[in-house]
């Protein structure tokens, strides 16, 4: 089992690295994954429900099934920035539009990110998440995994986790977050020894 865990971790790390590279080359990220433990914890809560809804869609709509995890990440990051005290308990279903999972992407863009679907920001978000989902689909195909196997399930779960984290990072960047190096000696603080 340890060998399988290593395989999945390597797959996830490589996919994340490739998506970061692509998002950075498109000017959407700065080469690092912006993140928060609060947001990552939200995925742990939402993942079982998300995967249960998305997995049946993989054969017919693979990019959509993967991309929606990115939208969920953007929603979590938006709520984290906006008022985490009020939103930290948000249930997975709060991401659903009137048609449930089928219009989650549009619902999140309009109602959580508060963007008009025809706006340039909304189109840019939709394009980058589609590109990421297409990259993820290619990654999965290169694994030559037999459909409907335990391995296929784990690869899908790791893939949508990466998409969630990328979506969160994209939204954090849009909100103005970035990494800053801090020189503890200049800040008047002593390094831990």
C-alpha atoms as a PDB file:
ATOM      1  CA  UNK A   1       0.000   0.000   0.000  1.00  0.00           C
ATOM      2  CA  UNK A   2       2.888   2.377   0.750  1.00  0.00           C
ATOM      3  CA  UNK A   3       4.037   2.034  -2.866  1.00  0.00           C
ATOM      4  CA  UNK A   4       0.550   3.062  -4.056  1.00  0.00           C
ATOM      5  CA  UNK A   5       0.510   6.042  -1.687  1.00  0.00           C
ATOM      6  CA  UNK A   6       3.842   7.197  -3.084  1.00  0.00           C
ATOM      7  CA  UNK A   7       2.523   6.804  -6.633  1.00  0.00           C
ATOM      8  CA  UNK A   8      -0.541   8.970  -5.879  1.00  0.00           C
ATOM      9  CA  UNK A   9       1.513  11.590  -4.048  1.00  0.00           C
ATOM     10  CA  UNK A  10       3.960  11.810  -6.949  1.00  0.00           C
ATOM     11  CA  UNK A  11       1.081  12.083  -9.434  1.00  0.00           C
ATOM     12  CA  UNK A  12      -0.525  14.871  -7.373  1.00  0.00           C
ATOM     13  CA  UNK A  13       2.747  16.784  -6.933  1.00  0.00           C
ATOM     14  CA  UNK A  14       3.512  16.593 -10.662  1.00  0.00           C
ATOM     15  CA  UNK A  15       0.016  17.719 -11.630  1.00  0.00           C
ATOM     16  CA  UNK A  16       0.143  20.624  -9.177  1.00  0.00           C
ATOM     17  CA  UNK A  17       3.572  21.660 -10.455  1.00  0.00           C
ATOM     18  CA  UNK A  18       2.358  21.573 -14.065  1.00  0.00           C
ATOM     19  CA  UNK A  19      -0.787  23.590 -13.290  1.00  0.00           C
ATOM     20  CA  UNK A  20       1.217  26.158 -11.327  1.00  0.00           C
ATOM     21  CA  UNK A  21       3.609  26.479 -14.266  1.00  0.00           C
ATOM     22  CA  UNK A  22       0.745  26.925 -16.714  1.00  0.00           C
ATOM     23  CA  UNK A  23      -1.152  29.448 -14.538  1.00  0.00           C
ATOM     24  CA  UNK A  24       2.074  31.397 -13.984  1.00  0.00           C
ATOM     25  CA  UNK A  25       2.887  31.449 -17.698  1.00  0.00           C
ATOM     26  CA  UNK A  26      -0.606  32.860 -18.313  1.00  0.00           C
ATOM     27  CA  UNK A  27      -0.033  35.568 -15.689  1.00  0.00           C
ATOM     28  CA  UNK A  28      -2.667  34.199 -13.309  1.00  0.00           C
ATOM     29  CA  UNK A  29      -0.261  33.096 -10.536  1.00  0.00           C
ATOM     30  CA  UNK A  30       3.290  33.962  -9.517  1.00  0.00           C
ATOM     31  CA  UNK A  31       4.855  30.498  -9.410  1.00  0.00           C
ATOM     32  CA  UNK A  32       3.745  29.690  -5.871  1.00  0.00           C
ATOM     33  CA  UNK A  33       0.570  28.156  -4.508  1.00  0.00           C
ATOM     34  CA  UNK A  34      -1.257  30.699  -2.377  1.00  0.00           C
ATOM     35  CA  UNK A  35      -3.111  28.760   0.285  1.00  0.00           C
ATOM     36  CA  UNK A  36      -4.638  28.695   3.736  1.00  0.00           C
ATOM     37  CA  UNK A  37      -5.136  25.778   6.104  1.00  0.00           C
ATOM     38  CA  UNK A  38      -8.737  26.959   6.587  1.00  0.00           C
ATOM     39  CA  UNK A  39      -9.398  26.653   2.855  1.00  0.00           C
ATOM     40  CA  UNK A  40      -7.631  23.281   2.595  1.00  0.00           C
ATOM     41  CA  UNK A  41      -9.754  22.032   5.510  1.00  0.00           C
ATOM     42  CA  UNK A  42     -12.897  23.081   3.644  1.00  0.00           C
ATOM     43  CA  UNK A  43     -11.933  20.741   0.809  1.00  0.00           C
ATOM     44  CA  UNK A  44     -11.613  17.862   3.268  1.00  0.00           C
ATOM     45  CA  UNK A  45     -15.202  18.579   4.336  1.00  0.00           C
ATOM     46  CA  UNK A  46     -16.573  19.016   0.824  1.00  0.00           C
ATOM     47  CA  UNK A  47     -14.582  16.356  -1.044  1.00  0.00           C
ATOM     48  CA  UNK A  48     -16.785  13.310  -0.314  1.00  0.00           C
ATOM     49  CA  UNK A  49     -19.950  15.084  -1.533  1.00  0.00           C
ATOM     50  CA  UNK A  50     -18.137  16.674  -4.473  1.00  0.00           C
ATOM     51  CA  UNK A  51     -16.632  13.385  -5.637  1.00  0.00           C
ATOM     52  CA  UNK A  52     -19.974  11.592  -5.255  1.00  0.00           C
ATOM     53  CA  UNK A  53     -21.573  14.125  -7.624  1.00  0.00           C
ATOM     54  CA  UNK A  54     -18.689  14.629 -10.043  1.00  0.00           C
ATOM     55  CA  UNK A  55     -17.584  11.029 -10.559  1.00  0.00           C
ATOM     56  CA  UNK A  56     -20.711   9.966 -12.509  1.00  0.00           C
ATOM     57  CA  UNK A  57     -20.085  12.914 -14.875  1.00  0.00           C
ATOM     58  CA  UNK A  58     -16.489  11.976 -15.731  1.00  0.00           C
ATOM     59  CA  UNK A  59     -17.264   9.806 -18.763  1.00  0.00           C
ATOM     60  CA  UNK A  60     -19.613  12.326 -20.404  1.00  0.00           C
ATOM     61  CA  UNK A  61     -18.166  15.630 -19.199  1.00  0.00           C
ATOM     62  CA  UNK A  62     -14.636  15.061 -17.872  1.00  0.00           C
ATOM     63  CA  UNK A  63     -13.447  18.669 -18.016  1.00  0.00           C
ATOM     64  CA  UNK A  64     -16.575  19.950 -16.263  1.00  0.00           C
ATOM     65  CA  UNK A  65     -16.365  17.262 -13.567  1.00  0.00           C
ATOM     66  CA  UNK A  66     -12.781  18.342 -12.857  1.00  0.00           C
ATOM     67  CA  UNK A  67     -13.132  22.114 -13.364  1.00  0.00           C
ATOM     68  CA  UNK A  68     -15.947  22.516 -10.850  1.00  0.00           C
ATOM     69  CA  UNK A  69     -13.497  21.663  -8.075  1.00  0.00           C
ATOM     70  CA  UNK A  70     -11.561  24.779  -9.119  1.00  0.00           C
ATOM     71  CA  UNK A  71     -14.726  26.859  -8.841  1.00  0.00           C
ATOM     72  CA  UNK A  72     -15.322  25.378  -5.373  1.00  0.00           C
ATOM     73  CA  UNK A  73     -11.792  26.431  -4.411  1.00  0.00           C
ATOM     74  CA  UNK A  74     -12.458  29.948  -5.650  1.00  0.00           C
ATOM     75  CA  UNK A  75     -15.677  30.087  -3.600  1.00  0.00           C
ATOM     76  CA  UNK A  76     -13.878  28.925  -0.442  1.00  0.00           C
ATOM     77  CA  UNK A  77     -11.137  31.530  -0.949  1.00  0.00           C
ATOM     78  CA  UNK A  78     -13.712  34.269  -1.541  1.00  0.00           C
ATOM     79  CA  UNK A  79     -15.576  33.372   1.640  1.00  0.00           C
ATOM     80  CA  UNK A  80     -12.306  33.079   3.585  1.00  0.00           C
ATOM     81  CA  UNK A  81     -11.383  36.626   2.582  1.00  0.00           C
ATOM     82  CA  UNK A  82     -14.878  38.049   2.936  1.00  0.00           C
ATOM     83  CA  UNK A  83     -15.967  36.761   6.363  1.00  0.00           C
ATOM     84  CA  UNK A  84     -14.657  33.365   7.423  1.00  0.00           C
ATOM     85  CA  UNK A  85     -16.471  33.591  10.750  1.00  0.00           C
ATOM     86  CA  UNK A  86     -19.767  33.629   8.886  1.00  0.00           C
ATOM     87  CA  UNK A  87     -18.830  31.252   6.036  1.00  0.00           C
ATOM     88  CA  UNK A  88     -16.554  28.628   7.636  1.00  0.00           C
ATOM     89  CA  UNK A  89     -19.522  26.337   8.257  1.00  0.00           C
ATOM     90  CA  UNK A  90     -20.834  26.548   4.677  1.00  0.00           C
ATOM     91  CA  UNK A  91     -22.083  23.195   3.447  1.00  0.00           C
ATOM     92  CA  UNK A  92     -21.128  21.792   0.059  1.00  0.00           C
ATOM     93  CA  UNK A  93     -24.697  22.282  -1.212  1.00  0.00           C
ATOM     94  CA  UNK A  94     -24.289  26.058  -0.836  1.00  0.00           C
ATOM     95  CA  UNK A  95     -22.188  25.914  -4.031  1.00  0.00           C
ATOM     96  CA  UNK A  96     -25.099  24.551  -6.066  1.00  0.00           C
ATOM     97  CA  UNK A  97     -27.071  26.590  -8.517  1.00  0.00           C
ATOM     98  CA  UNK A  98     -30.736  26.018  -9.349  1.00  0.00           C
ATOM     99  CA  UNK A  99     -29.775  22.876 -11.330  1.00  0.00           C
ATOM    100  CA  UNK A 100     -27.497  21.542  -8.586  1.00  0.00           C
ATOM    101  CA  UNK A 101     -24.081  20.376  -9.732  1.00  0.00           C
ATOM    102  CA  UNK A 102     -24.912  21.076 -13.391  1.00  0.00           C
ATOM    103  CA  UNK A 103     -24.636  24.854 -13.057  1.00  0.00           C
ATOM    104  CA  UNK A 104     -22.284  25.108 -10.089  1.00  0.00           C
ATOM    105  CA  UNK A 105     -19.696  26.954 -12.176  1.00  0.00           C
ATOM    106  CA  UNK A 106     -22.049  29.746 -13.217  1.00  0.00           C
ATOM    107  CA  UNK A 107     -23.635  29.952  -9.772  1.00  0.00           C
ATOM    108  CA  UNK A 108     -20.257  30.432  -8.081  1.00  0.00           C
ATOM    109  CA  UNK A 109     -19.127  33.046 -10.603  1.00  0.00           C
ATOM    110  CA  UNK A 110     -22.356  35.061 -10.348  1.00  0.00           C
ATOM    111  CA  UNK A 111     -23.429  34.608  -6.737  1.00  0.00           C
ATOM    112  CA  UNK A 112     -20.229  34.053  -4.767  1.00  0.00           C
ATOM    113  CA  UNK A 113     -17.566  35.851  -6.823  1.00  0.00           C
ATOM    114  CA  UNK A 114     -20.230  38.412  -7.812  1.00  0.00           C
ATOM    115  CA  UNK A 115     -19.208  38.684 -11.464  1.00  0.00           C
ATOM    116  CA  UNK A 116     -21.418  38.987 -14.514  1.00  0.00           C
ATOM    117  CA  UNK A 117     -20.974  35.897 -16.691  1.00  0.00           C
ATOM    118  CA  UNK A 118     -20.247  38.104 -19.708  1.00  0.00           C
ATOM    119  CA  UNK A 119     -17.569  40.158 -17.912  1.00  0.00           C
ATOM    120  CA  UNK A 120     -13.938  39.855 -18.933  1.00  0.00           C
ATOM    121  CA  UNK A 121     -13.020  38.652 -15.405  1.00  0.00           C
ATOM    122  CA  UNK A 122     -15.612  35.870 -15.544  1.00  0.00           C
ATOM    123  CA  UNK A 123     -14.466  34.805 -19.009  1.00  0.00           C
ATOM    124  CA  UNK A 124     -10.838  34.804 -17.872  1.00  0.00           C
ATOM    125  CA  UNK A 125     -11.709  32.600 -14.869  1.00  0.00           C
ATOM    126  CA  UNK A 126     -13.717  30.205 -17.027  1.00  0.00           C
ATOM    127  CA  UNK A 127     -10.896  29.980 -19.576  1.00  0.00           C
ATOM    128  CA  UNK A 128      -8.140  29.313 -17.042  1.00  0.00           C
ATOM    129  CA  UNK A 129     -10.161  26.666 -15.198  1.00  0.00           C
ATOM    130  CA  UNK A 130     -11.014  25.006 -18.508  1.00  0.00           C
ATOM    131  CA  UNK A 131      -7.315  24.991 -19.459  1.00  0.00           C
ATOM    132  CA  UNK A 132      -6.453  23.469 -16.079  1.00  0.00           C
ATOM    133  CA  UNK A 133      -9.171  20.834 -16.437  1.00  0.00           C
ATOM    134  CA  UNK A 134      -7.935  19.954 -19.930  1.00  0.00           C
ATOM    135  CA  UNK A 135      -4.368  19.673 -18.590  1.00  0.00           C
ATOM    136  CA  UNK A 136      -5.655  17.410 -15.807  1.00  0.00           C
ATOM    137  CA  UNK A 137      -7.549  15.241 -18.288  1.00  0.00           C
ATOM    138  CA  UNK A 138      -4.356  14.817 -20.320  1.00  0.00           C
ATOM    139  CA  UNK A 139      -2.443  13.922 -17.154  1.00  0.00           C
ATOM    140  CA  UNK A 140      -5.023  11.261 -16.322  1.00  0.00           C
ATOM    141  CA  UNK A 141      -4.899   9.840 -19.850  1.00  0.00           C
ATOM    142  CA  UNK A 142      -1.099   9.522 -19.656  1.00  0.00           C
ATOM    143  CA  UNK A 143      -1.510   7.277 -16.616  1.00  0.00           C
ATOM    144  CA  UNK A 144      -3.267   4.628 -18.787  1.00  0.00           C
ATOM    145  CA  UNK A 145      -5.638   3.699 -15.981  1.00  0.00           C
ATOM    146  CA  UNK A 146      -8.458   1.249 -16.481  1.00  0.00           C
ATOM    147  CA  UNK A 147     -11.796   3.004 -15.960  1.00  0.00           C
ATOM    148  CA  UNK A 148     -13.922   2.252 -12.906  1.00  0.00           C
ATOM    149  CA  UNK A 149     -11.068   0.837 -10.845  1.00  0.00           C
ATOM    150  CA  UNK A 150      -9.818   1.760  -7.390  1.00  0.00           C
ATOM    151  CA  UNK A 151      -6.780   3.348  -9.020  1.00  0.00           C
ATOM    152  CA  UNK A 152      -9.007   5.461 -11.288  1.00  0.00           C
ATOM    153  CA  UNK A 153     -10.974   6.641  -8.255  1.00  0.00           C
ATOM    154  CA  UNK A 154      -7.842   7.673  -6.353  1.00  0.00           C
ATOM    155  CA  UNK A 155      -6.391   9.486  -9.369  1.00  0.00           C
ATOM    156  CA  UNK A 156      -9.667  11.373  -9.835  1.00  0.00           C
ATOM    157  CA  UNK A 157      -9.757  12.287  -6.121  1.00  0.00           C
ATOM    158  CA  UNK A 158      -6.165  13.588  -6.259  1.00  0.00           C
ATOM    159  CA  UNK A 159      -6.907  15.491  -9.473  1.00  0.00           C
ATOM    160  CA  UNK A 160      -9.926  17.345  -8.116  1.00  0.00           C
ATOM    161  CA  UNK A 161      -8.010  18.144  -4.925  1.00  0.00           C
ATOM    162  CA  UNK A 162      -5.340  19.834  -7.057  1.00  0.00           C
ATOM    163  CA  UNK A 163      -8.054  21.696  -8.979  1.00  0.00           C
ATOM    164  CA  UNK A 164      -9.592  22.932  -5.722  1.00  0.00           C
ATOM    165  CA  UNK A 165      -6.221  24.191  -4.504  1.00  0.00           C
ATOM    166  CA  UNK A 166      -5.481  25.880  -7.845  1.00  0.00           C
ATOM    167  CA  UNK A 167      -8.919  27.540  -7.828  1.00  0.00           C
ATOM    168  CA  UNK A 168      -8.334  28.818  -4.295  1.00  0.00           C
ATOM    169  CA  UNK A 169      -4.879  30.142  -5.269  1.00  0.00           C
ATOM    170  CA  UNK A 170      -6.291  31.893  -8.339  1.00  0.00           C
ATOM    171  CA  UNK A 171      -8.936  33.637  -6.246  1.00  0.00           C
ATOM    172  CA  UNK A 172      -6.483  34.591  -3.506  1.00  0.00           C
ATOM    173  CA  UNK A 173      -4.273  36.164  -6.189  1.00  0.00           C
ATOM    174  CA  UNK A 174      -7.282  37.997  -7.644  1.00  0.00           C
ATOM    175  CA  UNK A 175      -8.005  39.329  -4.137  1.00  0.00           C
ATOM    176  CA  UNK A 176      -4.472  40.717  -3.879  1.00  0.00           C
ATOM    177  CA  UNK A 177      -2.763  38.122  -1.701  1.00  0.00           C
ATOM    178  CA  UNK A 178       0.881  37.337  -2.358  1.00  0.00           C
ATOM    179  CA  UNK A 179       3.908  35.906  -0.630  1.00  0.00           C
ATOM    180  CA  UNK A 180       6.374  38.298   0.958  1.00  0.00           C
ATOM    181  CA  UNK A 181       9.789  37.368   2.233  1.00  0.00           C
ATOM    182  CA  UNK A 182      10.326  38.593   5.749  1.00  0.00           C
ATOM    183  CA  UNK A 183      13.779  39.298   7.141  1.00  0.00           C
ATOM    184  CA  UNK A 184      13.363  38.577  10.845  1.00  0.00           C
ATOM    185  CA  UNK A 185      16.560  40.421  11.763  1.00  0.00           C
ATOM    186  CA  UNK A 186      15.274  43.623  10.117  1.00  0.00           C
ATOM    187  CA  UNK A 187      11.853  43.277  11.676  1.00  0.00           C
ATOM    188  CA  UNK A 188      13.429  43.432  15.137  1.00  0.00           C
ATOM    189  CA  UNK A 189      12.742  39.759  15.781  1.00  0.00           C
ATOM    190  CA  UNK A 190      15.268  37.150  16.737  1.00  0.00           C
ATOM    191  CA  UNK A 191      15.290  33.919  14.767  1.00  0.00           C
ATOM    192  CA  UNK A 192      14.376  30.801  16.691  1.00  0.00           C
ATOM    193  CA  UNK A 193      17.379  28.754  17.749  1.00  0.00           C
END
